[in-house]
């Protein structure tokens, strides 16, 4: 899967997400966003990260350090859900095989 990066100016972030330049600098310092080569611009690694950061910051008033923890927990949850789906499919496949309904395929 190819990575998608979005580069936005501080002004675009302010207009789209209501984030002040000071907020964006805090996010950059906390490692939540990456600085782009051009001044006053940020690189967003995942398209949904910046809207999520803005929403958590505005609605809950969380500090950047807390946002970092929440995003890390979310990434872990997504990985666990994918792992659970894979293991559920494997268990279903094994049940089908044991009941004589099909062959076991390797993932």
PDB file of N, CA and C in Angstrom:
ATOM      1  N   UNK A   1       0.835  -1.166   0.000  1.00  0.00           N
ATOM      2  CA  UNK A   1       0.000   0.000   0.000  1.00  0.00           C
ATOM      3  C   UNK A   1       0.886   1.238   0.000  1.00  0.00           C
ATOM      4  N   UNK A   2       0.590   2.184  -0.849  1.00  0.00           N
ATOM      5  CA  UNK A   2       1.386   3.389  -0.984  1.00  0.00           C
ATOM      6  C   UNK A   2       0.946   4.431   0.034  1.00  0.00           C
ATOM      7  N   UNK A   3       1.925   5.088   0.628  1.00  0.00           N
ATOM      8  CA  UNK A   3       1.633   6.106   1.634  1.00  0.00           C
ATOM      9  C   UNK A   3       1.111   7.378   0.967  1.00  0.00           C
ATOM     10  N   UNK A   4       0.200   8.048   1.636  1.00  0.00           N
ATOM     11  CA  UNK A   4      -0.352   9.304   1.157  1.00  0.00           C
ATOM     12  C   UNK A   4       0.061  10.407   2.106  1.00  0.00           C
ATOM     13  N   UNK A   5       0.677  11.453   1.555  1.00  0.00           N
ATOM     14  CA  UNK A   5       1.083  12.599   2.352  1.00  0.00           C
ATOM     15  C   UNK A   5       0.384  13.832   1.827  1.00  0.00           C
ATOM     16  N   UNK A   6      -0.028  14.689   2.730  1.00  0.00           N
ATOM     17  CA  UNK A   6      -0.677  15.939   2.368  1.00  0.00           C
ATOM     18  C   UNK A   6       0.149  17.069   2.967  1.00  0.00           C
ATOM     19  N   UNK A   7       0.429  18.084   2.167  1.00  0.00           N
ATOM     20  CA  UNK A   7       1.141  19.259   2.665  1.00  0.00           C
ATOM     21  C   UNK A   7       0.167  20.422   2.704  1.00  0.00           C
ATOM     22  N   UNK A   8       0.050  21.036   3.870  1.00  0.00           N
ATOM     23  CA  UNK A   8      -0.869  22.158   4.058  1.00  0.00           C
ATOM     24  C   UNK A   8      -0.134  23.334   4.684  1.00  0.00           C
ATOM     25  N   UNK A   9      -0.537  24.537   4.309  1.00  0.00           N
ATOM     26  CA  UNK A   9       0.012  25.723   4.952  1.00  0.00           C
ATOM     27  C   UNK A   9      -0.712  25.951   6.272  1.00  0.00           C
ATOM     28  N   UNK A  10      -0.106  26.745   7.128  1.00  0.00           N
ATOM     29  CA  UNK A  10      -0.754  27.086   8.386  1.00  0.00           C
ATOM     30  C   UNK A  10      -2.094  27.778   8.119  1.00  0.00           C
ATOM     31  N   UNK A  11      -2.127  28.615   7.075  1.00  0.00           N
ATOM     32  CA  UNK A  11      -3.371  29.324   6.748  1.00  0.00           C
ATOM     33  C   UNK A  11      -4.464  28.342   6.333  1.00  0.00           C
ATOM     34  N   UNK A  12      -4.128  27.331   5.523  1.00  0.00           N
ATOM     35  CA  UNK A  12      -5.113  26.320   5.130  1.00  0.00           C
ATOM     36  C   UNK A  12      -5.623  25.554   6.354  1.00  0.00           C
ATOM     37  N   UNK A  13      -4.721  25.231   7.271  1.00  0.00           N
ATOM     38  CA  UNK A  13      -5.122  24.532   8.494  1.00  0.00           C
ATOM     39  C   UNK A  13      -6.051  25.393   9.339  1.00  0.00           C
ATOM     40  N   UNK A  14      -5.787  26.677   9.354  1.00  0.00           N
ATOM     41  CA  UNK A  14      -6.633  27.594  10.116  1.00  0.00           C
ATOM     42  C   UNK A  14      -8.024  27.680   9.508  1.00  0.00           C
ATOM     43  N   UNK A  15      -8.087  27.813   8.183  1.00  0.00           N
ATOM     44  CA  UNK A  15      -9.380  27.950   7.505  1.00  0.00           C
ATOM     45  C   UNK A  15     -10.169  26.643   7.570  1.00  0.00           C
ATOM     46  N   UNK A  16      -9.530  25.522   7.267  1.00  0.00           N
ATOM     47  CA  UNK A  16     -10.231  24.234   7.204  1.00  0.00           C
ATOM     48  C   UNK A  16     -10.589  23.663   8.567  1.00  0.00           C
ATOM     49  N   UNK A  17      -9.655  23.797   9.524  1.00  0.00           N
ATOM     50  CA  UNK A  17      -9.817  23.079  10.790  1.00  0.00           C
ATOM     51  C   UNK A  17      -9.860  23.982  12.021  1.00  0.00           C
ATOM     52  N   UNK A  18      -9.729  25.271  11.833  1.00  0.00           N
ATOM     53  CA  UNK A  18      -9.791  26.198  12.958  1.00  0.00           C
ATOM     54  C   UNK A  18      -8.612  26.116  13.899  1.00  0.00           C
ATOM     55  N   UNK A  19      -7.465  25.686  13.381  1.00  0.00           N
ATOM     56  CA  UNK A  19      -6.273  25.554  14.205  1.00  0.00           C
ATOM     57  C   UNK A  19      -5.396  26.798  14.062  1.00  0.00           C
ATOM     58  N   UNK A  20      -5.073  27.412  15.172  1.00  0.00           N
ATOM     59  CA  UNK A  20      -4.215  28.590  15.174  1.00  0.00           C
ATOM     60  C   UNK A  20      -2.766  28.172  14.910  1.00  0.00           C
ATOM     61  N   UNK A  21      -1.947  29.087  14.381  1.00  0.00           N
ATOM     62  CA  UNK A  21      -0.530  28.765  14.174  1.00  0.00           C
ATOM     63  C   UNK A  21       0.156  28.263  15.446  1.00  0.00           C
ATOM     64  N   UNK A  22      -0.209  28.815  16.594  1.00  0.00           N
ATOM     65  CA  UNK A  22       0.389  28.350  17.855  1.00  0.00           C
ATOM     66  C   UNK A  22       0.042  26.879  18.120  1.00  0.00           C
ATOM     67  N   UNK A  23      -1.200  26.484  17.817  1.00  0.00           N
ATOM     68  CA  UNK A  23      -1.601  25.081  17.977  1.00  0.00           C
ATOM     69  C   UNK A  23      -0.778  24.190  17.066  1.00  0.00           C
ATOM     70  N   UNK A  24      -0.603  24.619  15.822  1.00  0.00           N
ATOM     71  CA  UNK A  24       0.161  23.822  14.857  1.00  0.00           C
ATOM     72  C   UNK A  24       1.617  23.699  15.291  1.00  0.00           C
ATOM     73  N   UNK A  25       2.183  24.770  15.820  1.00  0.00           N
ATOM     74  CA  UNK A  25       3.567  24.691  16.320  1.00  0.00           C
ATOM     75  C   UNK A  25       3.660  23.706  17.494  1.00  0.00           C
ATOM     76  N   UNK A  26       2.650  23.712  18.355  1.00  0.00           N
ATOM     77  CA  UNK A  26       2.616  22.747  19.461  1.00  0.00           C
ATOM     78  C   UNK A  26       2.534  21.317  18.936  1.00  0.00           C
ATOM     79  N   UNK A  27       1.706  21.106  17.910  1.00  0.00           N
ATOM     80  CA  UNK A  27       1.580  19.772  17.308  1.00  0.00           C
ATOM     81  C   UNK A  27       2.900  19.341  16.674  1.00  0.00           C
ATOM     82  N   UNK A  28       3.582  20.283  16.022  1.00  0.00           N
ATOM     83  CA  UNK A  28       4.879  19.976  15.421  1.00  0.00           C
ATOM     84  C   UNK A  28       5.895  19.608  16.495  1.00  0.00           C
ATOM     85  N   UNK A  29       5.931  20.376  17.557  1.00  0.00           N
ATOM     86  CA  UNK A  29       6.884  20.126  18.634  1.00  0.00           C
ATOM     87  C   UNK A  29       6.603  18.791  19.329  1.00  0.00           C
ATOM     88  N   UNK A  30       5.342  18.414  19.423  1.00  0.00           N
ATOM     89  CA  UNK A  30       4.973  17.145  20.059  1.00  0.00           C
ATOM     90  C   UNK A  30       5.158  15.951  19.113  1.00  0.00           C
ATOM     91  N   UNK A  31       5.469  16.224  17.838  1.00  0.00           N
ATOM     92  CA  UNK A  31       5.668  15.141  16.877  1.00  0.00           C
ATOM     93  C   UNK A  31       4.381  14.616  16.269  1.00  0.00           C
ATOM     94  N   UNK A  32       3.282  15.326  16.447  1.00  0.00           N
ATOM     95  CA  UNK A  32       2.002  14.898  15.891  1.00  0.00           C
ATOM     96  C   UNK A  32       1.915  15.195  14.393  1.00  0.00           C
ATOM     97  N   UNK A  33       2.649  16.203  13.953  1.00  0.00           N
ATOM     98  CA  UNK A  33       2.733  16.575  12.541  1.00  0.00           C
ATOM     99  C   UNK A  33       4.208  16.733  12.197  1.00  0.00           C
ATOM    100  N   UNK A  34       4.497  16.715  10.891  1.00  0.00           N
ATOM    101  CA  UNK A  34       5.874  16.935  10.443  1.00  0.00           C
ATOM    102  C   UNK A  34       5.951  18.276   9.737  1.00  0.00           C
ATOM    103  N   UNK A  35       7.056  18.958   9.939  1.00  0.00           N
ATOM    104  CA  UNK A  35       7.269  20.235   9.256  1.00  0.00           C
ATOM    105  C   UNK A  35       7.624  19.970   7.803  1.00  0.00           C
ATOM    106  N   UNK A  36       7.030  20.739   6.914  1.00  0.00           N
ATOM    107  CA  UNK A  36       7.357  20.653   5.493  1.00  0.00           C
ATOM    108  C   UNK A  36       8.550  21.557   5.226  1.00  0.00           C
ATOM    109  N   UNK A  37       9.216  21.372   4.086  1.00  0.00           N
ATOM    110  CA  UNK A  37      10.374  22.206   3.779  1.00  0.00           C
ATOM    111  C   UNK A  37      10.052  23.706   3.697  1.00  0.00           C
ATOM    112  N   UNK A  38       8.885  24.046   3.200  1.00  0.00           N
ATOM    113  CA  UNK A  38       8.504  25.452   3.109  1.00  0.00           C
ATOM    114  C   UNK A  38       8.114  25.969   4.492  1.00  0.00           C
ATOM    115  N   UNK A  39       8.377  27.245   4.764  1.00  0.00           N
ATOM    116  CA  UNK A  39       7.995  27.784   6.074  1.00  0.00           C
ATOM    117  C   UNK A  39       6.478  27.816   6.254  1.00  0.00           C
ATOM    118  N   UNK A  40       6.070  27.673   7.510  1.00  0.00           N
ATOM    119  CA  UNK A  40       4.640  27.727   7.853  1.00  0.00           C
ATOM    120  C   UNK A  40       3.804  26.677   7.105  1.00  0.00           C
ATOM    121  N   UNK A  41       4.377  25.501   6.900  1.00  0.00           N
ATOM    122  CA  UNK A  41       3.638  24.393   6.286  1.00  0.00           C
ATOM    123  C   UNK A  41       3.877  23.124   7.089  1.00  0.00           C
ATOM    124  N   UNK A  42       2.920  22.213   7.011  1.00  0.00           N
ATOM    125  CA  UNK A  42       3.018  20.933   7.715  1.00  0.00           C
ATOM    126  C   UNK A  42       2.741  19.798   6.744  1.00  0.00           C
ATOM    127  N   UNK A  43       3.274  18.647   7.081  1.00  0.00           N
ATOM    128  CA  UNK A  43       3.000  17.427   6.325  1.00  0.00           C
ATOM    129  C   UNK A  43       2.112  16.551   7.198  1.00  0.00           C
ATOM    130  N   UNK A  44       1.005  16.092   6.632  1.00  0.00           N
ATOM    131  CA  UNK A  44       0.084  15.208   7.341  1.00  0.00           C
ATOM    132  C   UNK A  44       0.262  13.818   6.739  1.00  0.00           C
ATOM    133  N   UNK A  45       0.631  12.847   7.570  1.00  0.00           N
ATOM    134  CA  UNK A  45       0.898  11.492   7.089  1.00  0.00           C
ATOM    135  C   UNK A  45      -0.368  10.739   6.697  1.00  0.00           C
ATOM    136  N   UNK A  46      -1.409  10.876   7.457  1.00  0.00           N
ATOM    137  CA  UNK A  46      -2.673  10.204   7.188  1.00  0.00           C
ATOM    138  C   UNK A  46      -3.743  11.266   6.960  1.00  0.00           C
ATOM    139  N   UNK A  47      -4.567  11.122   5.933  1.00  0.00           N
ATOM    140  CA  UNK A  47      -5.569  12.156   5.629  1.00  0.00           C
ATOM    141  C   UNK A  47      -6.526  12.473   6.773  1.00  0.00           C
ATOM    142  N   UNK A  48      -6.816  11.506   7.622  1.00  0.00           N
ATOM    143  CA  UNK A  48      -7.769  11.732   8.710  1.00  0.00           C
ATOM    144  C   UNK A  48      -7.120  12.268   9.987  1.00  0.00           C
ATOM    145  N   UNK A  49      -5.783  12.315  10.038  1.00  0.00           N
ATOM    146  CA  UNK A  49      -5.109  12.715  11.275  1.00  0.00           C
ATOM    147  C   UNK A  49      -5.379  14.161  11.671  1.00  0.00           C
ATOM    148  N   UNK A  50      -5.254  15.086  10.734  1.00  0.00           N
ATOM    149  CA  UNK A  50      -5.422  16.493  11.101  1.00  0.00           C
ATOM    150  C   UNK A  50      -6.851  16.820  11.515  1.00  0.00           C
ATOM    151  N   UNK A  51      -7.877  16.367  10.792  1.00  0.00           N
ATOM    152  CA  UNK A  51      -9.244  16.617  11.294  1.00  0.00           C
ATOM    153  C   UNK A  51      -9.483  15.985  12.671  1.00  0.00           C
ATOM    154  N   UNK A  52      -8.908  14.819  12.884  1.00  0.00           N
ATOM    155  CA  UNK A  52      -9.059  14.149  14.186  1.00  0.00           C
ATOM    156  C   UNK A  52      -8.355  14.952  15.280  1.00  0.00           C
ATOM    157  N   UNK A  53      -7.133  15.405  14.995  1.00  0.00           N
ATOM    158  CA  UNK A  53      -6.412  16.235  15.957  1.00  0.00           C
ATOM    159  C   UNK A  53      -7.193  17.503  16.290  1.00  0.00           C
ATOM    160  N   UNK A  54      -7.708  18.152  15.247  1.00  0.00           N
ATOM    161  CA  UNK A  54      -8.462  19.395  15.451  1.00  0.00           C
ATOM    162  C   UNK A  54      -9.699  19.142  16.309  1.00  0.00           C
ATOM    163  N   UNK A  55     -10.410  18.068  16.006  1.00  0.00           N
ATOM    164  CA  UNK A  55     -11.628  17.759  16.762  1.00  0.00           C
ATOM    165  C   UNK A  55     -11.315  17.465  18.226  1.00  0.00           C
ATOM    166  N   UNK A  56     -10.302  16.660  18.482  1.00  0.00           N
ATOM    167  CA  UNK A  56      -9.928  16.342  19.859  1.00  0.00           C
ATOM    168  C   UNK A  56      -9.441  17.592  20.593  1.00  0.00           C
ATOM    169  N   UNK A  57      -8.705  18.424  19.887  1.00  0.00           N
ATOM    170  CA  UNK A  57      -8.188  19.647  20.502  1.00  0.00           C
ATOM    171  C   UNK A  57      -9.319  20.621  20.832  1.00  0.00           C
ATOM    172  N   UNK A  58     -10.243  20.824  19.879  1.00  0.00           N
ATOM    173  CA  UNK A  58     -11.332  21.791  20.080  1.00  0.00           C
ATOM    174  C   UNK A  58     -12.399  21.278  21.045  1.00  0.00           C
ATOM    175  N   UNK A  59     -12.852  20.044  20.835  1.00  0.00           N
ATOM    176  CA  UNK A  59     -13.976  19.531  21.618  1.00  0.00           C
ATOM    177  C   UNK A  59     -13.581  19.132  23.034  1.00  0.00           C
ATOM    178  N   UNK A  60     -12.383  18.584  23.185  1.00  0.00           N
ATOM    179  CA  UNK A  60     -11.974  18.104  24.508  1.00  0.00           C
ATOM    180  C   UNK A  60     -10.930  18.996  25.172  1.00  0.00           C
ATOM    181  N   UNK A  61     -10.345  19.893  24.394  1.00  0.00           N
ATOM    182  CA  UNK A  61      -9.336  20.791  24.948  1.00  0.00           C
ATOM    183  C   UNK A  61      -8.102  20.068  25.451  1.00  0.00           C
ATOM    184  N   UNK A  62      -7.732  18.992  24.747  1.00  0.00           N
ATOM    185  CA  UNK A  62      -6.590  18.195  25.199  1.00  0.00           C
ATOM    186  C   UNK A  62      -5.264  18.802  24.763  1.00  0.00           C
ATOM    187  N   UNK A  63      -4.253  18.627  25.587  1.00  0.00           N
ATOM    188  CA  UNK A  63      -2.897  19.072  25.273  1.00  0.00           C
ATOM    189  C   UNK A  63      -2.299  18.160  24.203  1.00  0.00           C
ATOM    190  N   UNK A  64      -1.314  18.659  23.462  1.00  0.00           N
ATOM    191  CA  UNK A  64      -0.676  17.837  22.422  1.00  0.00           C
ATOM    192  C   UNK A  64      -0.134  16.506  22.939  1.00  0.00           C
ATOM    193  N   UNK A  65       0.375  16.501  24.164  1.00  0.00           N
ATOM    194  CA  UNK A  65       0.908  15.249  24.721  1.00  0.00           C
ATOM    195  C   UNK A  65      -0.199  14.216  24.889  1.00  0.00           C
ATOM    196  N   UNK A  66      -1.373  14.659  25.295  1.00  0.00           N
ATOM    197  CA  UNK A  66      -2.512  13.743  25.444  1.00  0.00           C
ATOM    198  C   UNK A  66      -2.992  13.269  24.079  1.00  0.00           C
ATOM    199  N   UNK A  67      -2.958  14.159  23.097  1.00  0.00           N
ATOM    200  CA  UNK A  67      -3.372  13.780  21.743  1.00  0.00           C
ATOM    201  C   UNK A  67      -2.456  12.697  21.188  1.00  0.00           C
ATOM    202  N   UNK A  68      -1.170  12.801  21.489  1.00  0.00           N
ATOM    203  CA  UNK A  68      -0.212  11.797  21.039  1.00  0.00           C
ATOM    204  C   UNK A  68      -0.572  10.425  21.607  1.00  0.00           C
ATOM    205  N   UNK A  69      -0.937  10.380  22.869  1.00  0.00           N
ATOM    206  CA  UNK A  69      -1.313   9.116  23.517  1.00  0.00           C
ATOM    207  C   UNK A  69      -2.586   8.558  22.889  1.00  0.00           C
ATOM    208  N   UNK A  70      -3.558   9.411  22.643  1.00  0.00           N
ATOM    209  CA  UNK A  70      -4.821   8.966  22.050  1.00  0.00           C
ATOM    210  C   UNK A  70      -4.596   8.410  20.645  1.00  0.00           C
ATOM    211  N   UNK A  71      -3.785   9.098  19.838  1.00  0.00           N
ATOM    212  CA  UNK A  71      -3.515   8.611  18.481  1.00  0.00           C
ATOM    213  C   UNK A  71      -2.759   7.286  18.502  1.00  0.00           C
ATOM    214  N   UNK A  72      -1.835   7.131  19.435  1.00  0.00           N
ATOM    215  CA  UNK A  72      -1.105   5.861  19.555  1.00  0.00           C
ATOM    216  C   UNK A  72      -2.053   4.735  19.949  1.00  0.00           C
ATOM    217  N   UNK A  73      -2.968   5.018  20.877  1.00  0.00           N
ATOM    218  CA  UNK A  73      -3.950   4.005  21.287  1.00  0.00           C
ATOM    219  C   UNK A  73      -4.863   3.641  20.114  1.00  0.00           C
ATOM    220  N   UNK A  74      -5.248   4.626  19.330  1.00  0.00           N
ATOM    221  CA  UNK A  74      -6.109   4.375  18.176  1.00  0.00           C
ATOM    222  C   UNK A  74      -5.401   3.491  17.146  1.00  0.00           C
ATOM    223  N   UNK A  75      -4.120   3.791  16.879  1.00  0.00           N
ATOM    224  CA  UNK A  75      -3.357   2.972  15.935  1.00  0.00           C
ATOM    225  C   UNK A  75      -3.252   1.534  16.434  1.00  0.00           C
ATOM    226  N   UNK A  76      -3.046   1.377  17.725  1.00  0.00           N
ATOM    227  CA  UNK A  76      -2.969   0.028  18.289  1.00  0.00           C
ATOM    228  C   UNK A  76      -4.316  -0.688  18.165  1.00  0.00           C
ATOM    229  N   UNK A  77      -5.407   0.019  18.417  1.00  0.00           N
ATOM    230  CA  UNK A  77      -6.744  -0.560  18.289  1.00  0.00           C
ATOM    231  C   UNK A  77      -7.012  -1.005  16.856  1.00  0.00           C
ATOM    232  N   UNK A  78      -6.619  -0.188  15.886  1.00  0.00           N
ATOM    233  CA  UNK A  78      -6.817  -0.543  14.478  1.00  0.00           C
ATOM    234  C   UNK A  78      -6.035  -1.814  14.141  1.00  0.00           C
ATOM    235  N   UNK A  79      -4.788  -1.899  14.618  1.00  0.00           N
ATOM    236  CA  UNK A  79      -3.990  -3.111  14.369  1.00  0.00           C
ATOM    237  C   UNK A  79      -4.615  -4.334  15.037  1.00  0.00           C
ATOM    238  N   UNK A  80      -5.106  -4.179  16.261  1.00  0.00           N
ATOM    239  CA  UNK A  80      -5.737  -5.298  16.960  1.00  0.00           C
ATOM    240  C   UNK A  80      -7.018  -5.753  16.263  1.00  0.00           C
ATOM    241  N   UNK A  81      -7.792  -4.808  15.757  1.00  0.00           N
ATOM    242  CA  UNK A  81      -9.010  -5.163  15.029  1.00  0.00           C
ATOM    243  C   UNK A  81      -8.680  -5.937  13.757  1.00  0.00           C
ATOM    244  N   UNK A  82      -7.633  -5.531  13.059  1.00  0.00           N
ATOM    245  CA  UNK A  82      -7.221  -6.252  11.844  1.00  0.00           C
ATOM    246  C   UNK A  82      -6.749  -7.657  12.195  1.00  0.00           C
ATOM    247  N   UNK A  83      -6.005  -7.768  13.280  1.00  0.00           N
ATOM    248  CA  UNK A  83      -5.534  -9.075  13.725  1.00  0.00           C
ATOM    249  C   UNK A  83      -6.701  -9.970  14.127  1.00  0.00           C
ATOM    250  N   UNK A  84      -7.667  -9.420  14.826  1.00  0.00           N
ATOM    251  CA  UNK A  84      -8.846 -10.185  15.220  1.00  0.00           C
ATOM    252  C   UNK A  84      -9.627 -10.661  13.997  1.00  0.00           C
ATOM    253  N   UNK A  85      -9.792  -9.793  13.011  1.00  0.00           N
ATOM    254  CA  UNK A  85     -10.512 -10.182  11.792  1.00  0.00           C
ATOM    255  C   UNK A  85      -9.777 -11.311  11.074  1.00  0.00           C
ATOM    256  N   UNK A  86      -8.443 -11.235  11.010  1.00  0.00           N
ATOM    257  CA  UNK A  86      -7.646 -12.281  10.360  1.00  0.00           C
ATOM    258  C   UNK A  86      -7.778 -13.609  11.114  1.00  0.00           C
ATOM    259  N   UNK A  87      -7.683 -13.569  12.436  1.00  0.00           N
ATOM    260  CA  UNK A  87      -7.783 -14.793  13.234  1.00  0.00           C
ATOM    261  C   UNK A  87      -9.195 -15.366  13.198  1.00  0.00           C
ATOM    262  N   UNK A  88     -10.210 -14.532  13.154  1.00  0.00           N
ATOM    263  CA  UNK A  88     -11.594 -15.001  13.044  1.00  0.00           C
ATOM    264  C   UNK A  88     -11.795 -15.718  11.716  1.00  0.00           C
ATOM    265  N   UNK A  89     -11.235 -15.158  10.646  1.00  0.00           N
ATOM    266  CA  UNK A  89     -11.349 -15.803   9.330  1.00  0.00           C
ATOM    267  C   UNK A  89     -10.621 -17.147   9.327  1.00  0.00           C
ATOM    268  N   UNK A  90      -9.468 -17.208   9.970  1.00  0.00           N
ATOM    269  CA  UNK A  90      -8.729 -18.471  10.037  1.00  0.00           C
ATOM    270  C   UNK A  90      -9.510 -19.514  10.835  1.00  0.00           C
ATOM    271  N   UNK A  91     -10.115 -19.103  11.945  1.00  0.00           N
ATOM    272  CA  UNK A  91     -10.892 -20.042  12.757  1.00  0.00           C
ATOM    273  C   UNK A  91     -12.103 -20.554  11.976  1.00  0.00           C
ATOM    274  N   UNK A  92     -12.761 -19.652  11.254  1.00  0.00           N
ATOM    275  CA  UNK A  92     -13.915 -20.056  10.447  1.00  0.00           C
ATOM    276  C   UNK A  92     -13.490 -21.047   9.364  1.00  0.00           C
ATOM    277  N   UNK A  93     -12.353 -20.797   8.757  1.00  0.00           N
ATOM    278  CA  UNK A  93     -11.832 -21.690   7.723  1.00  0.00           C
ATOM    279  C   UNK A  93     -11.511 -23.066   8.307  1.00  0.00           C
ATOM    280  N   UNK A  94     -10.916 -23.109   9.481  1.00  0.00           N
ATOM    281  CA  UNK A  94     -10.596 -24.380  10.128  1.00  0.00           C
ATOM    282  C   UNK A  94     -11.869 -25.140  10.500  1.00  0.00           C
ATOM    283  N   UNK A  95     -12.865 -24.427  11.001  1.00  0.00           N
ATOM    284  CA  UNK A  95     -14.144 -25.074  11.320  1.00  0.00           C
ATOM    285  C   UNK A  95     -14.765 -25.686  10.071  1.00  0.00           C
ATOM    286  N   UNK A  96     -14.740 -24.948   8.964  1.00  0.00           N
ATOM    287  CA  UNK A  96     -15.279 -25.478   7.706  1.00  0.00           C
ATOM    288  C   UNK A  96     -14.531 -26.734   7.280  1.00  0.00           C
ATOM    289  N   UNK A  97     -13.218 -26.723   7.422  1.00  0.00           N
ATOM    290  CA  UNK A  97     -12.416 -27.879   7.035  1.00  0.00           C
ATOM    291  C   UNK A  97     -12.732 -29.083   7.921  1.00  0.00           C
ATOM    292  N   UNK A  98     -12.817 -28.834   9.249  1.00  0.00           N
ATOM    293  CA  UNK A  98     -13.084 -29.936  10.171  1.00  0.00           C
ATOM    294  C   UNK A  98     -14.484 -30.516   9.981  1.00  0.00           C
ATOM    295  N   UNK A  99     -15.404 -29.703   9.518  1.00  0.00           N
ATOM    296  CA  UNK A  99     -16.755 -30.180   9.274  1.00  0.00           C
ATOM    297  C   UNK A  99     -16.925 -30.726   7.860  1.00  0.00           C
ATOM    298  N   UNK A 100     -15.811 -30.793   7.117  1.00  0.00           N
ATOM    299  CA  UNK A 100     -15.840 -31.351   5.782  1.00  0.00           C
ATOM    300  C   UNK A 100     -16.331 -30.390   4.721  1.00  0.00           C
ATOM    301  N   UNK A 101     -16.312 -29.112   5.022  1.00  0.00           N
ATOM    302  CA  UNK A 101     -16.864 -28.149   4.078  1.00  0.00           C
ATOM    303  C   UNK A 101     -15.861 -27.476   3.178  1.00  0.00           C
ATOM    304  N   UNK A 102     -14.579 -27.735   3.311  1.00  0.00           N
ATOM    305  CA  UNK A 102     -13.630 -27.056   2.427  1.00  0.00           C
ATOM    306  C   UNK A 102     -12.200 -27.320   2.827  1.00  0.00           C
ATOM    307  N   UNK A 103     -11.315 -26.745   2.029  1.00  0.00           N
ATOM    308  CA  UNK A 103      -9.882 -26.916   2.260  1.00  0.00           C
ATOM    309  C   UNK A 103      -9.339 -25.706   3.032  1.00  0.00           C
ATOM    310  N   UNK A 104      -8.187 -25.917   3.665  1.00  0.00           N
ATOM    311  CA  UNK A 104      -7.537 -24.844   4.410  1.00  0.00           C
ATOM    312  C   UNK A 104      -6.590 -24.120   3.479  1.00  0.00           C
ATOM    313  N   UNK A 105      -6.720 -22.808   3.386  1.00  0.00           N
ATOM    314  CA  UNK A 105      -5.842 -22.002   2.532  1.00  0.00           C
ATOM    315  C   UNK A 105      -4.865 -21.241   3.404  1.00  0.00           C
ATOM    316  N   UNK A 106      -3.624 -21.134   2.959  1.00  0.00           N
ATOM    317  CA  UNK A 106      -2.616 -20.386   3.687  1.00  0.00           C
ATOM    318  C   UNK A 106      -2.753 -18.909   3.355  1.00  0.00           C
ATOM    319  N   UNK A 107      -2.576 -18.047   4.371  1.00  0.00           N
ATOM    320  CA  UNK A 107      -2.642 -16.596   4.165  1.00  0.00           C
ATOM    321  C   UNK A 107      -1.332 -16.055   3.718  1.00  0.00           C
TER     322      UNK A 107
END
